[in-house]
Amino acid sequence: MRAAYYRAFKGTDSQHYFTLHSRGNGEPILRSEGYTTKASRDNGIDSVRRHSPFDSYYRKYGSGYGNYWFNLVAANNEVIGTSETYSTVQARETGIAAVKRDGATAQVVREEFA
């Protein structure tokens, strides 16, 4: 079984991002917005670690046409991360459970060269 991890990287737009990858299959389960600095991005990862275990920080969305997702928000209701899109409500709930399980303890893998 593969361990959960955060992938911290710099995008082609020179913004800094992270994705949280699930243990087991290694698929991305949460992605960040772009940050202007590495330090801001790292603060985002720390915020996921603090908020991910608690149900009250998840906002659930869906169109009813196989287009379901969630956001993880901070105490100030700012979005910390957005999930992938899921085909069913149950799949979205499984994604939330994975972020709750993995978010607080996942290690950071840095893929930055600048």
N, C-alpha and C. Protein backbone atom coordinates (compact mmCIF):
# COMPACT_ATOMS: atom_id res chain seq x y z
N MET A 1 0.85 -1.19 0.00
CA MET A 1 0.00 0.00 0.00
C MET A 1 0.88 1.24 0.00
N ARG A 2 0.57 2.15 -0.83
CA ARG A 2 1.28 3.42 -0.96
C ARG A 2 0.82 4.38 0.14
N ALA A 3 1.73 5.19 0.66
CA ALA A 3 1.39 6.18 1.69
C ALA A 3 0.77 7.42 1.06
N ALA A 4 -0.09 8.09 1.80
CA ALA A 4 -0.65 9.37 1.34
C ALA A 4 0.46 10.41 1.32
N TYR A 5 0.34 11.38 0.39
CA TYR A 5 1.34 12.44 0.33
C TYR A 5 0.78 13.69 -0.32
N TYR A 6 1.40 14.82 0.03
CA TYR A 6 1.15 16.08 -0.64
C TYR A 6 2.22 16.25 -1.70
N ARG A 7 1.83 16.56 -2.90
CA ARG A 7 2.78 16.91 -3.96
C ARG A 7 2.81 18.42 -4.04
N ALA A 8 3.95 19.02 -3.70
CA ALA A 8 4.14 20.46 -3.74
C ALA A 8 4.96 20.79 -4.98
N PHE A 9 4.45 21.68 -5.82
CA PHE A 9 5.13 21.95 -7.08
C PHE A 9 4.86 23.36 -7.57
N LYS A 10 5.67 23.77 -8.53
CA LYS A 10 5.51 25.06 -9.19
C LYS A 10 4.94 24.82 -10.57
N GLY A 11 3.83 25.49 -10.88
CA GLY A 11 3.18 25.32 -12.16
C GLY A 11 3.88 26.09 -13.27
N THR A 12 3.47 25.82 -14.49
CA THR A 12 4.03 26.52 -15.64
C THR A 12 3.69 28.01 -15.62
N ASP A 13 2.71 28.39 -14.81
CA ASP A 13 2.33 29.79 -14.66
C ASP A 13 3.11 30.49 -13.54
N SER A 14 4.12 29.80 -13.00
CA SER A 14 4.96 30.30 -11.91
C SER A 14 4.24 30.40 -10.58
N GLN A 15 3.04 29.86 -10.48
CA GLN A 15 2.32 29.78 -9.21
C GLN A 15 2.73 28.49 -8.50
N HIS A 16 2.56 28.47 -7.17
CA HIS A 16 2.88 27.29 -6.36
C HIS A 16 1.58 26.59 -5.98
N TYR A 17 1.57 25.26 -6.11
CA TYR A 17 0.37 24.45 -5.89
C TYR A 17 0.69 23.25 -5.02
N PHE A 18 -0.38 22.62 -4.50
CA PHE A 18 -0.22 21.30 -3.91
C PHE A 18 -1.42 20.45 -4.29
N THR A 19 -1.19 19.16 -4.32
CA THR A 19 -2.26 18.18 -4.44
C THR A 19 -2.06 17.17 -3.32
N LEU A 20 -3.16 16.70 -2.76
CA LEU A 20 -3.12 15.64 -1.76
C LEU A 20 -3.47 14.35 -2.48
N HIS A 21 -2.60 13.36 -2.35
CA HIS A 21 -2.80 12.06 -3.00
C HIS A 21 -3.15 11.01 -1.95
N SER A 22 -4.14 10.21 -2.27
CA SER A 22 -4.66 9.19 -1.36
C SER A 22 -3.67 8.06 -1.14
N ARG A 23 -3.71 7.52 0.06
CA ARG A 23 -2.93 6.30 0.29
C ARG A 23 -3.61 5.17 -0.48
N GLY A 24 -2.88 4.16 -0.78
CA GLY A 24 -3.44 3.05 -1.55
C GLY A 24 -3.23 3.24 -3.03
N ASN A 25 -4.13 3.99 -3.67
CA ASN A 25 -4.05 4.13 -5.12
C ASN A 25 -3.24 5.35 -5.57
N GLY A 26 -2.89 6.25 -4.68
CA GLY A 26 -2.08 7.41 -5.03
C GLY A 26 -2.77 8.46 -5.88
N GLU A 27 -4.07 8.33 -6.07
CA GLU A 27 -4.82 9.29 -6.89
C GLU A 27 -4.96 10.62 -6.15
N PRO A 28 -4.97 11.74 -6.89
CA PRO A 28 -5.19 13.04 -6.24
C PRO A 28 -6.62 13.15 -5.72
N ILE A 29 -6.76 13.62 -4.47
CA ILE A 29 -8.09 13.74 -3.87
C ILE A 29 -8.42 15.17 -3.47
N LEU A 30 -7.42 16.07 -3.52
CA LEU A 30 -7.65 17.47 -3.20
C LEU A 30 -6.57 18.29 -3.91
N ARG A 31 -6.96 19.44 -4.47
CA ARG A 31 -5.98 20.30 -5.13
C ARG A 31 -6.16 21.72 -4.65
N SER A 32 -5.06 22.45 -4.63
CA SER A 32 -5.09 23.82 -4.14
C SER A 32 -5.31 24.81 -5.27
N GLU A 33 -5.52 26.04 -4.87
CA GLU A 33 -5.45 27.16 -5.80
C GLU A 33 -3.97 27.48 -6.01
N GLY A 34 -3.68 28.42 -6.87
CA GLY A 34 -2.31 28.86 -7.06
C GLY A 34 -1.92 29.87 -5.99
N TYR A 35 -0.70 29.75 -5.49
CA TYR A 35 -0.15 30.68 -4.51
C TYR A 35 1.04 31.39 -5.13
N THR A 36 1.27 32.63 -4.74
CA THR A 36 2.38 33.39 -5.30
C THR A 36 3.72 33.02 -4.69
N THR A 37 3.72 32.43 -3.50
CA THR A 37 4.98 32.05 -2.85
C THR A 37 4.90 30.62 -2.32
N LYS A 38 6.06 30.02 -2.16
CA LYS A 38 6.14 28.68 -1.56
C LYS A 38 5.61 28.72 -0.13
N ALA A 39 5.96 29.77 0.61
CA ALA A 39 5.52 29.88 2.00
C ALA A 39 4.00 29.91 2.11
N SER A 40 3.34 30.63 1.22
CA SER A 40 1.86 30.67 1.23
C SER A 40 1.29 29.30 0.91
N ARG A 41 1.89 28.62 -0.06
CA ARG A 41 1.45 27.27 -0.41
C ARG A 41 1.64 26.32 0.77
N ASP A 42 2.78 26.42 1.45
CA ASP A 42 3.03 25.56 2.61
C ASP A 42 2.06 25.86 3.74
N ASN A 43 1.66 27.12 3.90
CA ASN A 43 0.62 27.46 4.88
C ASN A 43 -0.70 26.81 4.50
N GLY A 44 -0.98 26.71 3.19
CA GLY A 44 -2.18 26.02 2.72
C GLY A 44 -2.16 24.55 3.11
N ILE A 45 -1.02 23.90 2.96
CA ILE A 45 -0.89 22.49 3.37
C ILE A 45 -1.13 22.37 4.87
N ASP A 46 -0.54 23.27 5.65
CA ASP A 46 -0.75 23.23 7.10
C ASP A 46 -2.22 23.42 7.45
N SER A 47 -2.90 24.27 6.69
CA SER A 47 -4.32 24.50 6.93
C SER A 47 -5.14 23.25 6.63
N VAL A 48 -4.79 22.52 5.57
CA VAL A 48 -5.47 21.25 5.30
C VAL A 48 -5.25 20.30 6.47
N ARG A 49 -4.04 20.23 6.96
CA ARG A 49 -3.75 19.34 8.09
C ARG A 49 -4.61 19.67 9.30
N ARG A 50 -4.81 20.95 9.57
CA ARG A 50 -5.60 21.36 10.74
C ARG A 50 -7.10 21.16 10.55
N HIS A 51 -7.60 21.39 9.35
CA HIS A 51 -9.05 21.41 9.13
C HIS A 51 -9.63 20.11 8.59
N SER A 52 -8.82 19.28 7.92
CA SER A 52 -9.36 18.10 7.23
C SER A 52 -10.05 17.08 8.13
N PRO A 53 -9.68 16.92 9.39
CA PRO A 53 -10.38 15.91 10.19
C PRO A 53 -11.83 16.24 10.56
N PHE A 54 -12.27 17.47 10.33
CA PHE A 54 -13.55 17.92 10.88
C PHE A 54 -14.62 18.13 9.80
N ASP A 55 -15.77 17.50 9.99
CA ASP A 55 -16.88 17.58 9.03
C ASP A 55 -17.31 19.01 8.72
N SER A 56 -17.24 19.90 9.71
CA SER A 56 -17.77 21.25 9.55
C SER A 56 -17.02 22.08 8.50
N TYR A 57 -15.86 21.62 8.05
CA TYR A 57 -15.07 22.38 7.08
C TYR A 57 -15.25 21.90 5.64
N TYR A 58 -16.17 20.99 5.42
CA TYR A 58 -16.42 20.48 4.07
C TYR A 58 -17.68 21.11 3.51
N ARG A 59 -17.60 21.59 2.28
CA ARG A 59 -18.75 22.13 1.56
C ARG A 59 -19.00 21.24 0.35
N LYS A 60 -20.21 20.69 0.27
CA LYS A 60 -20.54 19.71 -0.78
C LYS A 60 -21.35 20.37 -1.88
N TYR A 61 -21.02 19.98 -3.12
CA TYR A 61 -21.70 20.55 -4.29
C TYR A 61 -22.05 19.44 -5.27
N GLY A 62 -23.02 19.71 -6.12
CA GLY A 62 -23.38 18.76 -7.16
C GLY A 62 -24.50 19.27 -8.01
N SER A 63 -24.45 18.88 -9.27
CA SER A 63 -25.46 19.32 -10.21
C SER A 63 -26.58 18.30 -10.38
N GLY A 64 -26.39 17.09 -9.86
CA GLY A 64 -27.38 16.05 -10.05
C GLY A 64 -27.20 15.29 -11.34
N TYR A 65 -26.20 15.64 -12.12
CA TYR A 65 -25.95 14.98 -13.41
C TYR A 65 -24.58 14.30 -13.42
N GLY A 66 -24.22 13.68 -12.30
CA GLY A 66 -22.93 13.01 -12.22
C GLY A 66 -21.77 13.97 -12.08
N ASN A 67 -22.04 15.12 -11.50
CA ASN A 67 -21.02 16.16 -11.37
C ASN A 67 -21.00 16.62 -9.91
N TYR A 68 -20.32 15.85 -9.04
CA TYR A 68 -20.30 16.12 -7.61
C TYR A 68 -18.87 16.41 -7.17
N TRP A 69 -18.71 17.36 -6.27
CA TRP A 69 -17.40 17.69 -5.76
C TRP A 69 -17.55 18.33 -4.38
N PHE A 70 -16.42 18.63 -3.75
CA PHE A 70 -16.45 19.31 -2.46
C PHE A 70 -15.27 20.26 -2.36
N ASN A 71 -15.42 21.22 -1.48
CA ASN A 71 -14.33 22.10 -1.08
C ASN A 71 -14.05 21.88 0.39
N LEU A 72 -12.79 21.97 0.75
CA LEU A 72 -12.38 22.04 2.15
C LEU A 72 -12.10 23.50 2.43
N VAL A 73 -12.72 24.05 3.47
CA VAL A 73 -12.56 25.47 3.79
C VAL A 73 -11.92 25.63 5.16
N ALA A 74 -11.32 26.80 5.36
CA ALA A 74 -10.74 27.15 6.65
C ALA A 74 -11.83 27.74 7.55
N ALA A 75 -11.45 28.07 8.77
CA ALA A 75 -12.41 28.65 9.73
C ALA A 75 -13.02 29.95 9.21
N ASN A 76 -12.30 30.67 8.34
CA ASN A 76 -12.82 31.93 7.78
C ASN A 76 -13.61 31.70 6.50
N ASN A 77 -13.91 30.44 6.18
CA ASN A 77 -14.66 30.02 4.99
C ASN A 77 -13.92 30.21 3.67
N GLU A 78 -12.63 30.50 3.71
CA GLU A 78 -11.82 30.55 2.50
C GLU A 78 -11.53 29.12 2.04
N VAL A 79 -11.60 28.89 0.74
CA VAL A 79 -11.35 27.55 0.20
C VAL A 79 -9.87 27.23 0.33
N ILE A 80 -9.57 26.08 0.92
CA ILE A 80 -8.20 25.59 1.03
C ILE A 80 -7.90 24.64 -0.13
N GLY A 81 -8.87 23.81 -0.46
CA GLY A 81 -8.68 22.84 -1.53
C GLY A 81 -10.00 22.40 -2.12
N THR A 82 -9.93 21.93 -3.36
CA THR A 82 -11.09 21.47 -4.11
C THR A 82 -10.85 20.03 -4.54
N SER A 83 -11.88 19.23 -4.46
CA SER A 83 -11.76 17.82 -4.85
C SER A 83 -11.80 17.65 -6.35
N GLU A 84 -11.56 16.44 -6.76
CA GLU A 84 -11.83 16.04 -8.14
C GLU A 84 -13.35 15.99 -8.30
N THR A 85 -13.83 15.81 -9.51
CA THR A 85 -15.26 15.65 -9.77
C THR A 85 -15.60 14.16 -9.70
N TYR A 86 -16.71 13.86 -9.05
CA TYR A 86 -17.14 12.48 -8.86
C TYR A 86 -18.45 12.23 -9.60
N SER A 87 -18.68 10.98 -9.97
CA SER A 87 -19.88 10.64 -10.74
C SER A 87 -21.10 10.40 -9.86
N THR A 88 -20.89 10.15 -8.57
CA THR A 88 -22.02 9.89 -7.66
C THR A 88 -21.79 10.60 -6.33
N VAL A 89 -22.87 10.77 -5.59
CA VAL A 89 -22.79 11.34 -4.25
C VAL A 89 -21.94 10.42 -3.36
N GLN A 90 -22.13 9.12 -3.48
CA GLN A 90 -21.36 8.18 -2.66
C GLN A 90 -19.87 8.28 -2.95
N ALA A 91 -19.49 8.43 -4.20
CA ALA A 91 -18.07 8.58 -4.54
C ALA A 91 -17.51 9.87 -3.93
N ARG A 92 -18.30 10.94 -3.93
CA ARG A 92 -17.87 12.18 -3.29
C ARG A 92 -17.66 11.97 -1.80
N GLU A 93 -18.57 11.23 -1.17
CA GLU A 93 -18.44 10.95 0.27
C GLU A 93 -17.19 10.11 0.55
N THR A 94 -16.87 9.21 -0.34
CA THR A 94 -15.65 8.41 -0.21
C THR A 94 -14.43 9.32 -0.33
N GLY A 95 -14.48 10.29 -1.23
CA GLY A 95 -13.39 11.26 -1.36
C GLY A 95 -13.21 12.08 -0.10
N ILE A 96 -14.29 12.54 0.50
CA ILE A 96 -14.22 13.28 1.76
C ILE A 96 -13.60 12.41 2.85
N ALA A 97 -14.04 11.17 2.94
CA ALA A 97 -13.48 10.26 3.95
C ALA A 97 -11.98 10.08 3.76
N ALA A 98 -11.52 10.04 2.51
CA ALA A 98 -10.09 9.88 2.24
C ALA A 98 -9.32 11.13 2.68
N VAL A 99 -9.86 12.33 2.42
CA VAL A 99 -9.18 13.55 2.86
C VAL A 99 -9.16 13.60 4.39
N LYS A 100 -10.26 13.23 5.02
CA LYS A 100 -10.30 13.20 6.49
C LYS A 100 -9.27 12.23 7.04
N ARG A 101 -9.12 11.09 6.40
CA ARG A 101 -8.18 10.04 6.84
C ARG A 101 -6.73 10.45 6.60
N ASP A 102 -6.44 11.03 5.45
CA ASP A 102 -5.06 11.24 5.02
C ASP A 102 -4.53 12.66 5.22
N GLY A 103 -5.40 13.65 5.26
CA GLY A 103 -4.96 15.04 5.23
C GLY A 103 -4.07 15.47 6.37
N ALA A 104 -4.32 14.98 7.57
CA ALA A 104 -3.57 15.45 8.73
C ALA A 104 -2.16 14.88 8.83
N THR A 105 -1.92 13.75 8.19
CA THR A 105 -0.65 13.05 8.42
C THR A 105 0.21 12.84 7.18
N ALA A 106 -0.29 13.18 6.01
CA ALA A 106 0.45 12.93 4.78
C ALA A 106 1.76 13.72 4.75
N GLN A 107 2.79 13.11 4.21
CA GLN A 107 4.09 13.75 4.06
C GLN A 107 4.09 14.63 2.80
N VAL A 108 5.00 15.60 2.76
CA VAL A 108 5.12 16.50 1.61
C VAL A 108 6.25 16.02 0.71
N VAL A 109 5.95 15.87 -0.57
CA VAL A 109 6.95 15.58 -1.59
C VAL A 109 7.10 16.83 -2.44
N ARG A 110 8.28 17.41 -2.45
CA ARG A 110 8.51 18.65 -3.18
C ARG A 110 9.08 18.35 -4.55
N GLU A 111 8.48 18.95 -5.57
CA GLU A 111 8.93 18.79 -6.95
C GLU A 111 9.19 20.17 -7.53
N GLU A 112 10.08 20.90 -6.88
CA GLU A 112 10.33 22.28 -7.28
C GLU A 112 11.78 22.42 -7.72
N PHE A 113 11.96 23.18 -8.75
CA PHE A 113 13.30 23.37 -9.28
C PHE A 113 13.67 24.84 -9.36
N ALA A 114 12.75 25.71 -8.95
CA ALA A 114 13.05 27.15 -9.00
C ALA A 114 12.61 27.80 -7.71
